[in-house]
C-alpha cells in the first residue's frame, strides 16, 4: 500500500493493491498498449526510487502521499464509522 501511495507523489496513478489475494503485498500494474516506452521506463525508475526510499527511510514512505490534497486517510476509522448520505427512501 505504501508503494502505491508514494507513486501518487511521483505523478503516477496508484495501481490496484492486494490483488490477486493469493499473492501477499501484490501490486497489479496494467499499462495500456499505447503507453510509450519512455513512460514505462519512467515508471520503473519511480519504483526503483521508492525501493531505495523504503530501505533508507521507511517512515517517510509509510506517511505518503505528501503532494495530494488529502494525505493518508484513516481507512480503519472510515470503515468503522460510516458516514452515509443515503436515506433509504
N, C-alpha and C. Protein backbone atom coordinates (compact mmCIF):
# COMPACT_ATOMS: atom_id res chain seq x y z
N UNK A 1 0.83 -1.19 0.00
CA UNK A 1 0.00 0.00 0.00
C UNK A 1 0.88 1.25 0.00
N UNK A 2 1.99 1.22 0.74
CA UNK A 2 2.87 2.39 0.81
C UNK A 2 3.46 2.72 -0.56
N UNK A 3 3.85 1.69 -1.31
CA UNK A 3 4.39 1.93 -2.65
C UNK A 3 3.35 2.62 -3.52
N UNK A 4 2.11 2.15 -3.46
CA UNK A 4 1.04 2.72 -4.29
C UNK A 4 0.80 4.18 -3.91
N UNK A 5 0.79 4.49 -2.63
CA UNK A 5 0.56 5.86 -2.19
C UNK A 5 1.72 6.77 -2.61
N UNK A 6 2.94 6.26 -2.55
CA UNK A 6 4.11 7.07 -2.93
C UNK A 6 4.12 7.33 -4.43
N UNK A 7 3.63 6.40 -5.23
CA UNK A 7 3.56 6.61 -6.68
C UNK A 7 2.72 7.84 -7.02
N UNK A 8 1.71 8.13 -6.21
CA UNK A 8 0.89 9.32 -6.43
C UNK A 8 1.76 10.59 -6.35
N UNK A 9 2.68 10.63 -5.40
CA UNK A 9 3.58 11.79 -5.26
C UNK A 9 4.47 11.96 -6.49
N UNK A 10 4.78 10.87 -7.15
CA UNK A 10 5.69 10.92 -8.29
C UNK A 10 4.95 11.06 -9.62
N UNK A 11 3.63 11.28 -9.55
CA UNK A 11 2.87 11.57 -10.76
C UNK A 11 2.28 10.38 -11.47
N UNK A 12 2.21 9.24 -10.81
CA UNK A 12 1.64 8.04 -11.42
C UNK A 12 0.37 7.63 -10.69
N UNK A 13 -0.57 7.10 -11.45
CA UNK A 13 -1.81 6.59 -10.86
C UNK A 13 -1.47 5.37 -10.01
N UNK A 14 -2.01 5.32 -8.82
CA UNK A 14 -1.72 4.20 -7.93
C UNK A 14 -2.33 2.91 -8.49
N UNK A 15 -1.55 1.84 -8.55
CA UNK A 15 -2.09 0.58 -9.05
C UNK A 15 -2.99 -0.09 -8.02
N UNK A 16 -3.72 -1.09 -8.47
CA UNK A 16 -4.53 -1.90 -7.57
C UNK A 16 -3.60 -2.63 -6.61
N UNK A 17 -3.94 -2.65 -5.34
CA UNK A 17 -3.10 -3.33 -4.34
C UNK A 17 -3.82 -4.54 -3.77
N UNK A 18 -3.02 -5.48 -3.31
CA UNK A 18 -3.52 -6.70 -2.67
C UNK A 18 -4.46 -7.49 -3.57
N UNK A 19 -4.21 -7.49 -4.87
CA UNK A 19 -4.99 -8.30 -5.81
C UNK A 19 -4.03 -8.88 -6.82
N UNK A 20 -4.05 -10.15 -7.07
CA UNK A 20 -4.96 -11.14 -6.50
C UNK A 20 -4.62 -11.45 -5.05
N UNK A 21 -5.63 -11.85 -4.31
CA UNK A 21 -5.48 -12.07 -2.87
C UNK A 21 -4.51 -13.18 -2.53
N UNK A 22 -4.25 -14.09 -3.46
CA UNK A 22 -3.36 -15.21 -3.13
C UNK A 22 -1.89 -14.81 -3.19
N UNK A 23 -1.58 -13.58 -3.60
CA UNK A 23 -0.20 -13.09 -3.62
C UNK A 23 -0.07 -11.98 -2.57
N UNK A 24 0.76 -12.21 -1.58
CA UNK A 24 0.93 -11.23 -0.49
C UNK A 24 1.55 -9.94 -1.00
N UNK A 25 1.03 -8.79 -0.55
CA UNK A 25 1.58 -7.47 -0.87
C UNK A 25 1.66 -7.21 -2.38
N UNK A 26 0.71 -7.70 -3.13
CA UNK A 26 0.74 -7.63 -4.59
C UNK A 26 0.36 -6.24 -5.11
N UNK A 27 0.99 -5.83 -6.21
CA UNK A 27 0.60 -4.64 -6.96
C UNK A 27 0.18 -5.11 -8.35
N UNK A 28 -0.98 -4.70 -8.80
CA UNK A 28 -1.46 -5.07 -10.13
C UNK A 28 -1.23 -3.87 -11.04
N UNK A 29 -0.23 -3.99 -11.91
CA UNK A 29 0.15 -2.91 -12.81
C UNK A 29 -0.26 -3.31 -14.22
N UNK A 30 -1.13 -2.51 -14.84
CA UNK A 30 -1.65 -2.83 -16.17
C UNK A 30 -1.53 -1.63 -17.11
N UNK A 31 -0.35 -1.38 -17.66
CA UNK A 31 -0.25 -0.28 -18.62
C UNK A 31 -0.98 -0.64 -19.92
N UNK A 32 -1.50 0.37 -20.58
CA UNK A 32 -2.18 0.12 -21.85
C UNK A 32 -1.14 -0.09 -22.95
N UNK A 33 -1.59 -0.66 -24.05
CA UNK A 33 -0.70 -0.92 -25.17
C UNK A 33 -0.18 0.36 -25.80
N UNK A 34 -0.87 1.46 -25.58
CA UNK A 34 -0.47 2.73 -26.21
C UNK A 34 0.56 3.51 -25.40
N UNK A 35 0.93 3.03 -24.23
CA UNK A 35 1.92 3.75 -23.42
C UNK A 35 3.29 3.70 -24.09
N UNK A 36 3.96 4.82 -24.11
CA UNK A 36 5.29 4.91 -24.71
C UNK A 36 6.32 4.22 -23.82
N UNK A 37 7.37 3.71 -24.44
CA UNK A 37 8.44 3.06 -23.69
C UNK A 37 9.06 4.02 -22.68
N UNK A 38 9.16 5.31 -23.04
CA UNK A 38 9.74 6.30 -22.13
C UNK A 38 8.91 6.43 -20.85
N UNK A 39 7.59 6.36 -20.99
CA UNK A 39 6.72 6.44 -19.82
C UNK A 39 6.91 5.21 -18.94
N UNK A 40 7.00 4.04 -19.56
CA UNK A 40 7.21 2.81 -18.80
C UNK A 40 8.58 2.82 -18.11
N UNK A 41 9.60 3.33 -18.80
CA UNK A 41 10.92 3.45 -18.19
C UNK A 41 10.87 4.40 -16.99
N UNK A 42 10.13 5.50 -17.12
CA UNK A 42 9.97 6.43 -16.00
C UNK A 42 9.27 5.79 -14.83
N UNK A 43 8.28 4.95 -15.12
CA UNK A 43 7.56 4.24 -14.06
C UNK A 43 8.50 3.29 -13.32
N UNK A 44 9.33 2.58 -14.07
CA UNK A 44 10.30 1.67 -13.46
C UNK A 44 11.29 2.47 -12.60
N UNK A 45 11.75 3.62 -13.09
CA UNK A 45 12.65 4.47 -12.30
C UNK A 45 11.98 4.93 -11.00
N UNK A 46 10.69 5.23 -11.07
CA UNK A 46 9.95 5.63 -9.87
C UNK A 46 9.89 4.47 -8.87
N UNK A 47 9.66 3.25 -9.36
CA UNK A 47 9.64 2.09 -8.47
C UNK A 47 11.00 1.86 -7.82
N UNK A 48 12.07 2.03 -8.59
CA UNK A 48 13.42 1.87 -8.03
C UNK A 48 13.68 2.94 -6.97
N UNK A 49 13.25 4.18 -7.24
CA UNK A 49 13.39 5.26 -6.25
C UNK A 49 12.63 4.92 -4.98
N UNK A 50 11.42 4.43 -5.11
CA UNK A 50 10.61 4.08 -3.94
C UNK A 50 11.25 2.94 -3.16
N UNK A 51 11.81 1.96 -3.88
CA UNK A 51 12.50 0.87 -3.19
C UNK A 51 13.66 1.42 -2.36
N UNK A 52 14.42 2.35 -2.93
CA UNK A 52 15.53 2.96 -2.20
C UNK A 52 15.02 3.71 -0.97
N UNK A 53 13.93 4.46 -1.14
CA UNK A 53 13.34 5.18 -0.01
C UNK A 53 12.87 4.22 1.07
N UNK A 54 12.32 3.08 0.68
CA UNK A 54 11.85 2.09 1.65
C UNK A 54 13.02 1.54 2.46
N UNK A 55 14.16 1.39 1.82
CA UNK A 55 15.34 0.85 2.51
C UNK A 55 16.01 1.88 3.42
N UNK A 56 15.91 3.16 3.06
CA UNK A 56 16.64 4.18 3.81
C UNK A 56 15.76 4.98 4.78
N UNK A 57 14.47 5.13 4.47
CA UNK A 57 13.59 5.93 5.32
C UNK A 57 12.16 5.39 5.23
N UNK A 58 11.94 4.26 5.85
CA UNK A 58 10.65 3.58 5.75
C UNK A 58 9.51 4.42 6.30
N UNK A 59 9.77 5.22 7.31
CA UNK A 59 8.71 6.05 7.90
C UNK A 59 8.21 7.10 6.91
N UNK A 60 9.13 7.70 6.15
CA UNK A 60 8.73 8.66 5.13
C UNK A 60 7.81 7.99 4.10
N UNK A 61 8.17 6.80 3.71
CA UNK A 61 7.36 6.06 2.74
C UNK A 61 6.00 5.72 3.34
N UNK A 62 5.98 5.35 4.60
CA UNK A 62 4.73 4.96 5.25
C UNK A 62 3.74 6.12 5.36
N UNK A 63 4.23 7.35 5.40
CA UNK A 63 3.36 8.51 5.54
C UNK A 63 2.92 9.11 4.20
N UNK A 64 3.37 8.57 3.09
CA UNK A 64 2.98 9.09 1.77
C UNK A 64 1.49 8.87 1.55
N UNK A 65 0.84 9.66 0.76
CA UNK A 65 1.35 10.69 -0.15
C UNK A 65 1.47 12.04 0.54
N UNK A 66 2.35 12.88 -0.02
CA UNK A 66 2.59 14.22 0.52
C UNK A 66 2.04 15.32 -0.38
N UNK A 67 1.88 15.06 -1.67
CA UNK A 67 1.52 16.11 -2.63
C UNK A 67 0.04 16.11 -3.01
N UNK A 68 -0.75 15.25 -2.44
CA UNK A 68 -2.17 15.18 -2.76
C UNK A 68 -2.96 16.15 -1.87
N UNK A 69 -4.13 16.59 -2.30
CA UNK A 69 -4.96 17.48 -1.47
C UNK A 69 -5.31 16.86 -0.12
N UNK A 70 -5.44 15.54 -0.08
CA UNK A 70 -5.70 14.81 1.16
C UNK A 70 -4.58 13.79 1.32
N UNK A 71 -3.95 13.77 2.48
CA UNK A 71 -2.88 12.81 2.70
C UNK A 71 -3.45 11.44 3.05
N UNK A 72 -2.75 10.67 3.82
CA UNK A 72 -3.16 9.31 4.17
C UNK A 72 -4.45 9.34 4.96
N UNK A 73 -5.43 8.59 4.51
CA UNK A 73 -6.72 8.51 5.19
C UNK A 73 -6.68 7.43 6.26
N UNK A 74 -7.48 7.59 7.29
CA UNK A 74 -7.61 6.57 8.33
C UNK A 74 -8.69 5.60 7.85
N UNK A 75 -8.27 4.59 7.09
CA UNK A 75 -9.21 3.67 6.46
C UNK A 75 -9.94 2.79 7.47
N UNK A 76 -9.30 2.47 8.59
CA UNK A 76 -9.96 1.67 9.63
C UNK A 76 -11.10 2.48 10.24
N UNK A 77 -10.83 3.73 10.57
CA UNK A 77 -11.87 4.59 11.13
C UNK A 77 -13.02 4.77 10.14
N UNK A 78 -12.70 4.97 8.88
CA UNK A 78 -13.73 5.15 7.86
C UNK A 78 -14.62 3.91 7.74
N UNK A 79 -14.04 2.73 7.90
CA UNK A 79 -14.82 1.50 7.81
C UNK A 79 -15.70 1.31 9.05
N UNK A 80 -15.21 1.75 10.20
CA UNK A 80 -15.96 1.56 11.45
C UNK A 80 -17.01 2.64 11.68
N UNK A 81 -16.77 3.85 11.21
CA UNK A 81 -17.69 4.97 11.43
C UNK A 81 -18.20 5.47 10.07
N UNK A 82 -19.13 4.73 9.52
CA UNK A 82 -19.66 5.08 8.21
C UNK A 82 -20.42 6.39 8.25
N UNK A 83 -20.22 7.21 7.24
CA UNK A 83 -20.92 8.49 7.10
C UNK A 83 -21.64 8.44 5.76
N UNK A 84 -22.86 7.93 5.79
CA UNK A 84 -23.62 7.71 4.56
C UNK A 84 -24.66 8.81 4.35
N UNK A 85 -24.85 9.21 3.11
CA UNK A 85 -25.84 10.23 2.79
C UNK A 85 -27.16 9.61 2.34
N UNK A 86 -27.18 8.34 2.00
CA UNK A 86 -28.38 7.68 1.50
C UNK A 86 -29.38 7.50 2.63
N UNK A 87 -30.64 7.87 2.40
CA UNK A 87 -31.65 7.79 3.45
C UNK A 87 -32.54 6.56 3.33
N UNK A 88 -32.45 5.84 2.24
CA UNK A 88 -33.25 4.63 2.08
C UNK A 88 -34.63 4.86 1.52
N UNK A 89 -34.93 6.04 1.07
CA UNK A 89 -36.26 6.34 0.53
C UNK A 89 -36.31 6.17 -0.96
